[in-house]
Protein backbone atom coordinates (compact mmCIF):
# COMPACT_ATOMS: atom_id res chain seq x y z
CA UNK A 1 0.00 0.00 0.00
CA UNK A 2 1.35 3.42 -0.96
CA UNK A 3 1.58 5.93 1.85
CA UNK A 4 1.67 9.06 -0.32
CA UNK A 5 3.11 10.53 -3.47
CA UNK A 6 6.22 12.70 -3.36
CA UNK A 7 7.82 14.76 -6.11
CA UNK A 8 11.48 15.38 -5.31
CA UNK A 9 13.28 18.09 -7.30
CA UNK A 10 17.04 18.43 -6.79
CA UNK A 11 19.82 19.08 -9.29
CA UNK A 12 22.31 17.01 -7.23
CA UNK A 13 21.94 13.41 -8.52
CA UNK A 14 23.38 11.73 -5.40
CA UNK A 15 21.02 13.58 -3.07
CA UNK A 16 18.03 13.08 -5.39
CA UNK A 17 18.63 9.34 -5.78
CA UNK A 18 19.29 8.77 -2.07
CA UNK A 19 16.15 10.61 -0.98
CA UNK A 20 14.02 8.96 -3.67
CA UNK A 21 15.28 5.51 -2.65
CA UNK A 22 14.61 6.22 1.04
CA UNK A 23 11.05 7.34 0.27
CA UNK A 24 10.42 4.28 -1.91
CA UNK A 25 11.80 2.00 0.82
CA UNK A 26 9.29 3.52 3.26
CA UNK A 27 6.39 2.73 0.93
CA UNK A 28 5.88 6.12 -0.66
CA UNK A 29 5.42 6.70 -4.36
CA UNK A 30 8.45 8.87 -5.15
CA UNK A 31 9.41 10.53 -8.40
CA UNK A 32 12.71 12.38 -8.61
CA UNK A 33 13.85 14.87 -11.21
CA UNK A 34 16.78 17.24 -11.53
CA UNK A 35 14.87 19.65 -13.74
CA UNK A 36 12.43 22.28 -12.43
CA UNK A 37 10.88 22.43 -15.93
CA UNK A 38 10.24 18.67 -15.88
CA UNK A 39 8.79 18.98 -12.37
CA UNK A 40 6.32 21.59 -13.64
CA UNK A 41 5.29 19.21 -16.43
CA UNK A 42 4.75 16.40 -13.92
CA UNK A 43 2.69 18.73 -11.70
CA UNK A 44 0.55 19.58 -14.71
CA UNK A 45 -0.16 15.90 -15.29
CA UNK A 46 -1.17 14.85 -11.78
CA UNK A 47 -1.27 15.92 -8.13
CA UNK A 48 1.34 15.00 -5.52
CA UNK A 49 0.86 14.85 -1.77
CA UNK A 50 4.23 16.45 -1.07
CA UNK A 51 6.87 18.45 -2.95
CA UNK A 52 10.49 18.39 -1.79
CA UNK A 53 12.29 21.08 -3.75
CA UNK A 54 15.90 22.28 -3.64
CA UNK A 55 15.92 26.07 -3.67
CA UNK A 56 19.28 26.62 -5.40
CA UNK A 57 19.15 25.06 -8.87
CA UNK A 58 20.44 26.31 -12.20
CA UNK A 59 17.86 27.90 -14.47
CA UNK A 60 15.07 28.25 -11.92
CA UNK A 61 15.06 28.49 -8.15
CA UNK A 62 12.86 26.23 -6.08
CA UNK A 63 10.81 29.22 -4.94
CA UNK A 64 10.20 30.30 -8.53
CA UNK A 65 9.17 26.76 -9.44
CA UNK A 66 6.65 26.58 -6.60
CA UNK A 67 5.13 29.95 -7.53
């Protein structure tokens, strides 16, 4: 049974993969991306229960992405 859906956005692959793996191991549906633009596309396709967003990313800050 899935506990919740999480979209994780971080441009650091090691951090993104580690956090995504930890969430999956705990039974959450977790999707990780390093691209704020891809995250916005995913958000346009479906809702997520939780967003975990790095603020300092190239191209678009996490705050700008959330707005």
